[in-house]
Amino acid sequence: MLVFIIAGAIIGSFIVEYLVHLFADNYTIEWDSASESANGISSAQEIAIAMRKTHRESERQMNKAFKVASGTHC
């Protein structure tokens, strides 16, 4: 019984892959170049800036939690 389940899953995955490729041929991804800011910052730079801000904020929260846990308050 387990063999039939595994065989069905494998065959089903091939069918799904075929359908994805069949429908993917009809659709194309168009990159939106209008999303870039007026000051020339690319989306990669925006992502890097956002990641740095998030990292700094998480460091602040961890430092605050460490101070509270260690008993030293501001």
N, C-alpha and C. Protein backbone atom coordinates (compact mmCIF):
# COMPACT_ATOMS: atom_id res chain seq x y z
N MET A 1 0.83 -1.19 0.00
CA MET A 1 0.00 0.00 0.00
C MET A 1 0.88 1.26 0.00
N LEU A 2 1.94 1.22 0.79
CA LEU A 2 2.85 2.36 0.86
C LEU A 2 3.52 2.62 -0.49
N VAL A 3 3.79 1.55 -1.22
CA VAL A 3 4.40 1.68 -2.54
C VAL A 3 3.48 2.44 -3.48
N PHE A 4 2.19 2.14 -3.43
CA PHE A 4 1.23 2.84 -4.29
C PHE A 4 1.11 4.31 -3.92
N ILE A 5 1.18 4.62 -2.65
CA ILE A 5 1.11 6.01 -2.20
C ILE A 5 2.33 6.78 -2.69
N ILE A 6 3.50 6.18 -2.55
CA ILE A 6 4.73 6.84 -3.01
C ILE A 6 4.72 6.99 -4.52
N ALA A 7 4.29 5.95 -5.24
CA ALA A 7 4.22 6.02 -6.70
C ALA A 7 3.23 7.09 -7.14
N GLY A 8 2.11 7.18 -6.46
CA GLY A 8 1.11 8.21 -6.77
C GLY A 8 1.65 9.61 -6.52
N ALA A 9 2.41 9.76 -5.45
CA ALA A 9 2.99 11.07 -5.15
C ALA A 9 4.02 11.46 -6.21
N ILE A 10 4.81 10.52 -6.66
CA ILE A 10 5.82 10.82 -7.69
C ILE A 10 5.14 11.17 -9.00
N ILE A 11 4.16 10.40 -9.40
CA ILE A 11 3.45 10.67 -10.65
C ILE A 11 2.70 12.00 -10.54
N GLY A 12 2.10 12.24 -9.38
CA GLY A 12 1.40 13.50 -9.17
C GLY A 12 2.33 14.69 -9.24
N SER A 13 3.55 14.55 -8.74
CA SER A 13 4.50 15.66 -8.80
C SER A 13 4.90 15.95 -10.24
N PHE A 14 5.02 14.90 -11.07
CA PHE A 14 5.33 15.12 -12.49
C PHE A 14 4.17 15.84 -13.19
N ILE A 15 2.95 15.48 -12.83
CA ILE A 15 1.78 16.13 -13.43
C ILE A 15 1.73 17.60 -13.03
N VAL A 16 1.97 17.88 -11.76
CA VAL A 16 1.97 19.27 -11.30
C VAL A 16 3.07 20.06 -11.98
N GLU A 17 4.25 19.47 -12.10
CA GLU A 17 5.36 20.17 -12.77
C GLU A 17 5.02 20.45 -14.23
N TYR A 18 4.38 19.49 -14.91
CA TYR A 18 3.98 19.69 -16.29
C TYR A 18 2.97 20.83 -16.40
N LEU A 19 1.99 20.87 -15.50
CA LEU A 19 0.99 21.94 -15.53
C LEU A 19 1.60 23.30 -15.25
N VAL A 20 2.55 23.34 -14.33
CA VAL A 20 3.22 24.62 -14.02
C VAL A 20 3.96 25.12 -15.25
N HIS A 21 4.69 24.24 -15.92
CA HIS A 21 5.42 24.66 -17.12
C HIS A 21 4.46 25.03 -18.25
N LEU A 22 3.33 24.33 -18.33
CA LEU A 22 2.35 24.62 -19.37
C LEU A 22 1.78 26.03 -19.19
N PHE A 23 1.41 26.37 -17.95
CA PHE A 23 0.85 27.69 -17.70
C PHE A 23 1.92 28.78 -17.63
N ALA A 24 3.13 28.42 -17.25
CA ALA A 24 4.20 29.41 -17.15
C ALA A 24 4.60 29.94 -18.52
N ASP A 25 4.41 29.15 -19.56
CA ASP A 25 4.74 29.62 -20.90
C ASP A 25 3.83 30.76 -21.34
N ASN A 26 2.63 30.81 -20.77
CA ASN A 26 1.67 31.85 -21.15
C ASN A 26 1.88 33.16 -20.40
N TYR A 27 2.65 33.13 -19.33
CA TYR A 27 2.84 34.31 -18.51
C TYR A 27 4.32 34.67 -18.44
N THR A 28 4.60 35.95 -18.47
CA THR A 28 5.98 36.42 -18.32
C THR A 28 6.04 37.41 -17.18
N ILE A 29 7.18 37.48 -16.56
CA ILE A 29 7.39 38.43 -15.47
C ILE A 29 8.02 39.68 -16.06
N GLU A 30 7.39 40.80 -15.82
CA GLU A 30 7.93 42.07 -16.28
C GLU A 30 8.44 42.82 -15.07
N TRP A 31 9.73 43.15 -15.07
CA TRP A 31 10.31 43.86 -13.95
C TRP A 31 9.91 45.32 -14.03
N ASP A 32 9.42 45.85 -12.94
CA ASP A 32 8.94 47.22 -12.89
C ASP A 32 10.10 48.15 -12.57
N SER A 33 10.58 48.87 -13.57
CA SER A 33 11.69 49.77 -13.33
C SER A 33 11.23 51.09 -12.72
N ALA A 34 9.92 51.33 -12.71
CA ALA A 34 9.39 52.56 -12.13
C ALA A 34 9.42 52.54 -10.62
N SER A 35 9.74 51.39 -10.03
CA SER A 35 9.76 51.30 -8.58
C SER A 35 11.00 51.94 -7.97
N GLU A 36 11.99 52.26 -8.80
CA GLU A 36 13.19 52.91 -8.27
C GLU A 36 12.86 54.32 -7.82
N SER A 37 13.49 54.75 -6.78
CA SER A 37 13.23 56.07 -6.23
C SER A 37 13.75 57.15 -7.15
N ALA A 38 13.27 58.35 -6.94
CA ALA A 38 13.68 59.48 -7.77
C ALA A 38 15.14 59.84 -7.55
N ASN A 39 15.68 59.54 -6.37
CA ASN A 39 17.07 59.90 -6.10
C ASN A 39 18.06 58.83 -6.55
N GLY A 40 17.60 57.82 -7.27
CA GLY A 40 18.50 56.85 -7.88
C GLY A 40 18.88 55.67 -7.00
N ILE A 41 18.20 55.45 -5.90
CA ILE A 41 18.50 54.31 -5.04
C ILE A 41 17.82 53.07 -5.62
N SER A 42 18.58 52.04 -5.85
CA SER A 42 18.01 50.82 -6.40
C SER A 42 17.30 50.03 -5.30
N SER A 43 16.53 49.06 -5.71
CA SER A 43 15.78 48.27 -4.74
C SER A 43 16.73 47.47 -3.85
N ALA A 44 17.88 47.04 -4.39
CA ALA A 44 18.85 46.31 -3.58
C ALA A 44 19.41 47.20 -2.47
N GLN A 45 19.65 48.47 -2.80
CA GLN A 45 20.14 49.40 -1.78
C GLN A 45 19.07 49.65 -0.73
N GLU A 46 17.81 49.76 -1.17
CA GLU A 46 16.72 49.95 -0.21
C GLU A 46 16.60 48.77 0.73
N ILE A 47 16.76 47.56 0.20
CA ILE A 47 16.69 46.36 1.03
C ILE A 47 17.84 46.34 2.03
N ALA A 48 19.05 46.70 1.58
CA ALA A 48 20.21 46.72 2.48
C ALA A 48 20.02 47.75 3.59
N ILE A 49 19.49 48.92 3.26
CA ILE A 49 19.24 49.95 4.27
C ILE A 49 18.21 49.46 5.28
N ALA A 50 17.14 48.85 4.80
CA ALA A 50 16.10 48.34 5.69
C ALA A 50 16.64 47.24 6.59
N MET A 51 17.52 46.39 6.05
CA MET A 51 18.10 45.31 6.86
C MET A 51 18.99 45.88 7.95
N ARG A 52 19.77 46.92 7.61
CA ARG A 52 20.62 47.55 8.63
C ARG A 52 19.78 48.16 9.75
N LYS A 53 18.70 48.86 9.38
CA LYS A 53 17.83 49.47 10.38
C LYS A 53 17.21 48.40 11.28
N THR A 54 16.76 47.31 10.67
CA THR A 54 16.17 46.22 11.44
C THR A 54 17.19 45.60 12.38
N HIS A 55 18.42 45.43 11.88
CA HIS A 55 19.47 44.85 12.71
C HIS A 55 19.80 45.75 13.90
N ARG A 56 19.90 47.06 13.65
CA ARG A 56 20.18 47.99 14.75
C ARG A 56 19.06 47.97 15.79
N GLU A 57 17.82 47.93 15.32
CA GLU A 57 16.69 47.91 16.25
C GLU A 57 16.68 46.63 17.07
N SER A 58 16.98 45.49 16.44
CA SER A 58 17.00 44.23 17.19
C SER A 58 18.14 44.23 18.20
N GLU A 59 19.28 44.85 17.86
CA GLU A 59 20.38 44.96 18.83
C GLU A 59 19.96 45.80 20.02
N ARG A 60 19.26 46.90 19.76
CA ARG A 60 18.78 47.74 20.87
C ARG A 60 17.84 46.96 21.78
N GLN A 61 16.93 46.20 21.18
CA GLN A 61 15.99 45.42 21.98
C GLN A 61 16.70 44.34 22.78
N MET A 62 17.71 43.70 22.17
CA MET A 62 18.45 42.67 22.90
C MET A 62 19.25 43.28 24.05
N ASN A 63 19.86 44.44 23.82
CA ASN A 63 20.60 45.11 24.88
C ASN A 63 19.68 45.49 26.03
N LYS A 64 18.49 46.00 25.69
CA LYS A 64 17.53 46.37 26.72
C LYS A 64 17.09 45.14 27.51
N ALA A 65 16.83 44.04 26.80
CA ALA A 65 16.43 42.80 27.48
C ALA A 65 17.55 42.27 28.36
N PHE A 66 18.80 42.39 27.90
CA PHE A 66 19.93 41.92 28.70
C PHE A 66 20.06 42.74 29.97
N LYS A 67 19.89 44.07 29.85
CA LYS A 67 19.98 44.92 31.04
C LYS A 67 18.90 44.58 32.04
N VAL A 68 17.69 44.34 31.55
CA VAL A 68 16.59 43.98 32.45
C VAL A 68 16.86 42.63 33.10
N ALA A 69 17.35 41.68 32.31
CA ALA A 69 17.61 40.33 32.83
C ALA A 69 18.75 40.33 33.82
N SER A 70 19.76 41.18 33.61
CA SER A 70 20.91 41.18 34.51
C SER A 70 20.67 42.06 35.75
N GLY A 71 19.56 42.79 35.74
CA GLY A 71 19.22 43.58 36.92
C GLY A 71 19.74 44.99 36.90
N THR A 72 20.48 45.38 35.87
CA THR A 72 20.96 46.76 35.78
C THR A 72 19.99 47.55 34.93
N HIS A 73 19.40 48.54 35.52
CA HIS A 73 18.45 49.36 34.79
C HIS A 73 19.13 50.61 34.30
N CYS A 74 18.61 51.18 33.28
CA CYS A 74 19.20 52.37 32.67
C CYS A 74 19.76 53.24 33.73
